[in-house]
Structure formats: C-alpha cells, structure tokens
Amino acid sequence: GVGVDAQIALNFHLKRERAPHLFTHRLLNKFWYASSGGQEILMQRFIDFATHVTLECDGRSVPLPVGCEGLIVLNIESYGGGVDLW
C-alpha cells in the first residue's frame, strides 16, 4: 500500500525500533498502532493524495475518488488481520 495506511505502519515500526520496551504486549501494540492512526487522521497529510498519484492499469488511467487517502494492492481477499474489503 501507499498513502495513509503505509504511513501509519511506518510510524508504528519506527516507534517500535526506538522504544522496544513500550511494545511488550499485544494489547499495547494495538494501542500504539491506533495512536499512530489517530495522529494521521488529525494531521490529514494525505487529504489530497489523489491529486499527487496517477493509477494506471493495463495501459488505462484509473481515476481515483475524491478524498482517496491511499491505495492498497492485494492478491488476497482480505486485509489488515482478515478484514474483507469487498
């Protein structure tokens, strides 16, 4: 993925590398991941993502919806711990 979901994952990873003692339990990990997500929601750094990215598939341009904050390319039917996107 690219966009907000990738930024959240990167923030989580960097924070875990800087302070591994804060990531000692699955519930704490979920808290820190949610915290990273909350920060991105408040900062809205990817609000204009669709104006900076062009998606092309089979030689054709695919328009991105207004408000799109990221793209996820999957070869399976679920994402993020089993969430069915379709």
N, C-alpha and C. Protein backbone atom coordinates (compact mmCIF):
# COMPACT_ATOMS: atom_id res chain seq x y z
N GLY A 1 0.82 -1.19 0.00
CA GLY A 1 0.00 0.00 0.00
C GLY A 1 0.86 1.25 0.00
N VAL A 2 0.27 2.31 -0.44
CA VAL A 2 0.89 3.63 -0.38
C VAL A 2 -0.16 4.59 0.16
N GLY A 3 0.30 5.62 0.82
CA GLY A 3 -0.63 6.59 1.38
C GLY A 3 -0.70 6.48 2.88
N VAL A 4 -1.88 6.79 3.40
CA VAL A 4 -2.03 6.90 4.85
C VAL A 4 -1.79 5.58 5.57
N ASP A 5 -2.25 4.46 5.02
CA ASP A 5 -2.04 3.18 5.71
C ASP A 5 -0.56 2.82 5.80
N ALA A 6 0.18 3.12 4.75
CA ALA A 6 1.63 2.85 4.76
C ALA A 6 2.33 3.78 5.76
N GLN A 7 1.88 5.03 5.86
CA GLN A 7 2.49 5.97 6.80
C GLN A 7 2.24 5.52 8.24
N ILE A 8 1.05 5.03 8.51
CA ILE A 8 0.72 4.54 9.85
C ILE A 8 1.61 3.35 10.22
N ALA A 9 1.77 2.42 9.28
CA ALA A 9 2.62 1.25 9.52
C ALA A 9 4.07 1.67 9.74
N LEU A 10 4.55 2.63 8.96
CA LEU A 10 5.92 3.11 9.13
C LEU A 10 6.10 3.80 10.48
N ASN A 11 5.16 4.65 10.86
CA ASN A 11 5.25 5.31 12.17
C ASN A 11 5.32 4.29 13.30
N PHE A 12 4.48 3.26 13.22
CA PHE A 12 4.47 2.20 14.23
C PHE A 12 5.82 1.49 14.28
N HIS A 13 6.34 1.13 13.13
CA HIS A 13 7.62 0.42 13.04
C HIS A 13 8.76 1.25 13.63
N LEU A 14 8.82 2.53 13.25
CA LEU A 14 9.90 3.39 13.74
C LEU A 14 9.81 3.59 15.25
N LYS A 15 8.59 3.76 15.75
CA LYS A 15 8.40 3.92 17.19
C LYS A 15 8.82 2.65 17.93
N ARG A 16 8.48 1.50 17.37
CA ARG A 16 8.84 0.22 18.00
C ARG A 16 10.35 0.01 18.00
N GLU A 17 11.04 0.46 16.96
CA GLU A 17 12.51 0.35 16.94
C GLU A 17 13.16 1.29 17.94
N ARG A 18 12.59 2.49 18.12
CA ARG A 18 13.17 3.46 19.05
C ARG A 18 12.94 3.07 20.51
N ALA A 19 11.79 2.46 20.79
CA ALA A 19 11.44 2.16 22.18
C ALA A 19 10.81 0.78 22.30
N PRO A 20 11.58 -0.29 22.10
CA PRO A 20 11.00 -1.64 22.14
C PRO A 20 10.36 -2.00 23.48
N HIS A 21 10.79 -1.35 24.54
CA HIS A 21 10.22 -1.65 25.86
C HIS A 21 8.75 -1.24 25.96
N LEU A 22 8.27 -0.40 25.06
CA LEU A 22 6.87 0.02 25.06
C LEU A 22 5.97 -0.95 24.29
N PHE A 23 6.56 -1.95 23.66
CA PHE A 23 5.82 -2.88 22.80
C PHE A 23 5.97 -4.31 23.31
N THR A 24 5.57 -4.52 24.54
CA THR A 24 5.79 -5.82 25.19
C THR A 24 4.54 -6.69 25.25
N HIS A 25 3.42 -6.18 24.79
CA HIS A 25 2.17 -6.92 24.89
C HIS A 25 1.30 -6.61 23.67
N ARG A 26 0.56 -7.60 23.23
CA ARG A 26 -0.28 -7.44 22.04
C ARG A 26 -1.26 -6.27 22.18
N LEU A 27 -1.86 -6.10 23.35
CA LEU A 27 -2.81 -5.02 23.57
C LEU A 27 -2.12 -3.66 23.50
N LEU A 28 -0.91 -3.57 24.06
CA LEU A 28 -0.15 -2.33 23.96
C LEU A 28 0.21 -2.02 22.51
N ASN A 29 0.57 -3.04 21.75
CA ASN A 29 0.88 -2.85 20.33
C ASN A 29 -0.32 -2.27 19.59
N LYS A 30 -1.51 -2.79 19.89
CA LYS A 30 -2.72 -2.27 19.25
C LYS A 30 -2.97 -0.81 19.63
N PHE A 31 -2.69 -0.49 20.90
CA PHE A 31 -2.83 0.90 21.34
C PHE A 31 -1.90 1.81 20.55
N TRP A 32 -0.63 1.42 20.42
CA TRP A 32 0.33 2.26 19.71
C TRP A 32 -0.03 2.38 18.22
N TYR A 33 -0.53 1.30 17.64
CA TYR A 33 -0.94 1.35 16.23
C TYR A 33 -2.13 2.30 16.06
N ALA A 34 -3.09 2.20 16.97
CA ALA A 34 -4.25 3.10 16.92
C ALA A 34 -3.82 4.55 17.16
N SER A 35 -2.85 4.74 18.02
CA SER A 35 -2.33 6.08 18.27
C SER A 35 -1.71 6.67 17.00
N SER A 36 -0.93 5.85 16.29
CA SER A 36 -0.35 6.31 15.02
C SER A 36 -1.44 6.67 14.03
N GLY A 37 -2.49 5.86 13.98
CA GLY A 37 -3.61 6.13 13.09
C GLY A 37 -4.34 7.41 13.46
N GLY A 38 -4.54 7.61 14.73
CA GLY A 38 -5.20 8.83 15.20
C GLY A 38 -4.43 10.08 14.84
N GLN A 39 -3.12 10.01 14.97
CA GLN A 39 -2.28 11.16 14.60
C GLN A 39 -2.43 11.48 13.12
N GLU A 40 -2.46 10.47 12.28
CA GLU A 40 -2.61 10.70 10.84
C GLU A 40 -3.99 11.27 10.51
N ILE A 41 -5.01 10.82 11.22
CA ILE A 41 -6.35 11.37 11.00
C ILE A 41 -6.37 12.86 11.33
N LEU A 42 -5.77 13.22 12.45
CA LEU A 42 -5.76 14.62 12.86
C LEU A 42 -4.89 15.49 11.96
N MET A 43 -3.77 14.96 11.50
CA MET A 43 -2.85 15.75 10.68
C MET A 43 -3.32 15.88 9.23
N GLN A 44 -4.11 14.93 8.76
CA GLN A 44 -4.66 14.94 7.39
C GLN A 44 -3.59 15.22 6.33
N ARG A 45 -2.45 14.55 6.44
CA ARG A 45 -1.37 14.75 5.48
C ARG A 45 -1.67 14.16 4.11
N PHE A 46 -2.64 13.25 4.03
CA PHE A 46 -2.91 12.57 2.76
C PHE A 46 -4.27 12.97 2.18
N ILE A 47 -4.81 14.09 2.62
CA ILE A 47 -6.13 14.52 2.19
C ILE A 47 -6.18 14.78 0.69
N ASP A 48 -5.06 15.19 0.09
CA ASP A 48 -5.02 15.46 -1.35
C ASP A 48 -4.21 14.41 -2.10
N PHE A 49 -4.17 13.21 -1.57
CA PHE A 49 -3.40 12.11 -2.15
C PHE A 49 -3.73 11.90 -3.63
N ALA A 50 -5.01 11.93 -3.98
CA ALA A 50 -5.45 11.63 -5.35
C ALA A 50 -4.92 12.65 -6.36
N THR A 51 -4.55 13.84 -5.92
CA THR A 51 -4.01 14.84 -6.85
C THR A 51 -2.52 14.63 -7.13
N HIS A 52 -1.87 13.80 -6.33
CA HIS A 52 -0.43 13.57 -6.48
C HIS A 52 -0.09 12.21 -7.07
N VAL A 53 -1.07 11.33 -7.22
CA VAL A 53 -0.82 9.97 -7.67
C VAL A 53 -1.66 9.67 -8.90
N THR A 54 -1.04 8.97 -9.83
CA THR A 54 -1.75 8.50 -11.02
C THR A 54 -1.75 6.98 -10.99
N LEU A 55 -2.92 6.39 -11.17
CA LEU A 55 -3.04 4.94 -11.20
C LEU A 55 -3.32 4.51 -12.64
N GLU A 56 -2.51 3.58 -13.11
CA GLU A 56 -2.67 3.06 -14.46
C GLU A 56 -2.75 1.54 -14.39
N CYS A 57 -3.73 0.98 -15.06
CA CYS A 57 -3.93 -0.46 -15.08
C CYS A 57 -4.18 -0.91 -16.51
N ASP A 58 -3.38 -1.84 -16.99
CA ASP A 58 -3.49 -2.34 -18.37
C ASP A 58 -3.44 -1.21 -19.39
N GLY A 59 -2.59 -0.22 -19.13
CA GLY A 59 -2.41 0.88 -20.06
C GLY A 59 -3.48 1.96 -20.00
N ARG A 60 -4.42 1.82 -19.09
CA ARG A 60 -5.50 2.80 -18.97
C ARG A 60 -5.42 3.51 -17.63
N SER A 61 -5.66 4.80 -17.67
CA SER A 61 -5.68 5.59 -16.45
C SER A 61 -6.95 5.26 -15.66
N VAL A 62 -6.79 5.06 -14.37
CA VAL A 62 -7.92 4.76 -13.49
C VAL A 62 -8.10 5.96 -12.57
N PRO A 63 -9.25 6.63 -12.65
CA PRO A 63 -9.46 7.80 -11.79
C PRO A 63 -9.57 7.40 -10.32
N LEU A 64 -8.97 8.19 -9.47
CA LEU A 64 -9.05 7.95 -8.03
C LEU A 64 -10.18 8.81 -7.46
N PRO A 65 -10.95 8.26 -6.53
CA PRO A 65 -12.05 9.04 -5.96
C PRO A 65 -11.54 10.25 -5.18
N VAL A 66 -12.33 11.30 -5.18
CA VAL A 66 -12.01 12.47 -4.36
C VAL A 66 -11.99 12.03 -2.91
N GLY A 67 -11.00 12.45 -2.18
CA GLY A 67 -10.88 12.07 -0.78
C GLY A 67 -10.10 10.79 -0.55
N CYS A 68 -9.66 10.14 -1.63
CA CYS A 68 -8.85 8.93 -1.51
C CYS A 68 -7.55 9.29 -0.79
N GLU A 69 -7.21 8.54 0.25
CA GLU A 69 -6.00 8.84 1.02
C GLU A 69 -4.94 7.76 0.89
N GLY A 70 -5.17 6.78 0.02
CA GLY A 70 -4.17 5.75 -0.17
C GLY A 70 -4.65 4.68 -1.13
N LEU A 71 -3.71 3.84 -1.53
CA LEU A 71 -4.02 2.71 -2.40
C LEU A 71 -3.45 1.44 -1.78
N ILE A 72 -4.21 0.38 -1.88
CA ILE A 72 -3.76 -0.92 -1.41
C ILE A 72 -3.89 -1.89 -2.58
N VAL A 73 -2.80 -2.56 -2.92
CA VAL A 73 -2.81 -3.56 -3.98
C VAL A 73 -2.72 -4.92 -3.32
N LEU A 74 -3.73 -5.75 -3.54
CA LEU A 74 -3.82 -7.05 -2.87
C LEU A 74 -3.92 -8.18 -3.87
N ASN A 75 -3.43 -9.32 -3.49
CA ASN A 75 -3.66 -10.53 -4.27
C ASN A 75 -4.42 -11.56 -3.43
N ILE A 76 -5.00 -11.08 -2.33
CA ILE A 76 -5.85 -11.91 -1.48
C ILE A 76 -7.14 -11.13 -1.22
N GLU A 77 -8.14 -11.79 -0.65
CA GLU A 77 -9.44 -11.16 -0.48
C GLU A 77 -9.59 -10.34 0.80
N SER A 78 -8.60 -10.39 1.68
CA SER A 78 -8.73 -9.66 2.93
C SER A 78 -7.48 -8.82 3.19
N TYR A 79 -7.59 -7.95 4.21
CA TYR A 79 -6.52 -7.02 4.52
C TYR A 79 -6.55 -6.73 6.03
N GLY A 80 -5.41 -6.45 6.58
CA GLY A 80 -5.31 -5.98 7.96
C GLY A 80 -5.93 -6.92 8.98
N GLY A 81 -5.48 -8.14 9.01
CA GLY A 81 -5.98 -9.09 10.01
C GLY A 81 -7.28 -9.75 9.65
N GLY A 82 -7.59 -9.80 8.36
CA GLY A 82 -8.77 -10.53 7.93
C GLY A 82 -9.96 -9.70 7.52
N VAL A 83 -9.82 -8.39 7.42
CA VAL A 83 -10.93 -7.54 7.00
C VAL A 83 -11.23 -7.77 5.54
N ASP A 84 -12.49 -8.09 5.24
CA ASP A 84 -12.93 -8.30 3.86
C ASP A 84 -13.25 -6.94 3.24
N LEU A 85 -12.46 -6.51 2.28
CA LEU A 85 -12.65 -5.19 1.68
C LEU A 85 -13.78 -5.15 0.65
N TRP A 86 -14.22 -6.27 0.20
CA TRP A 86 -15.24 -6.27 -0.84
C TRP A 86 -16.56 -6.63 -0.24
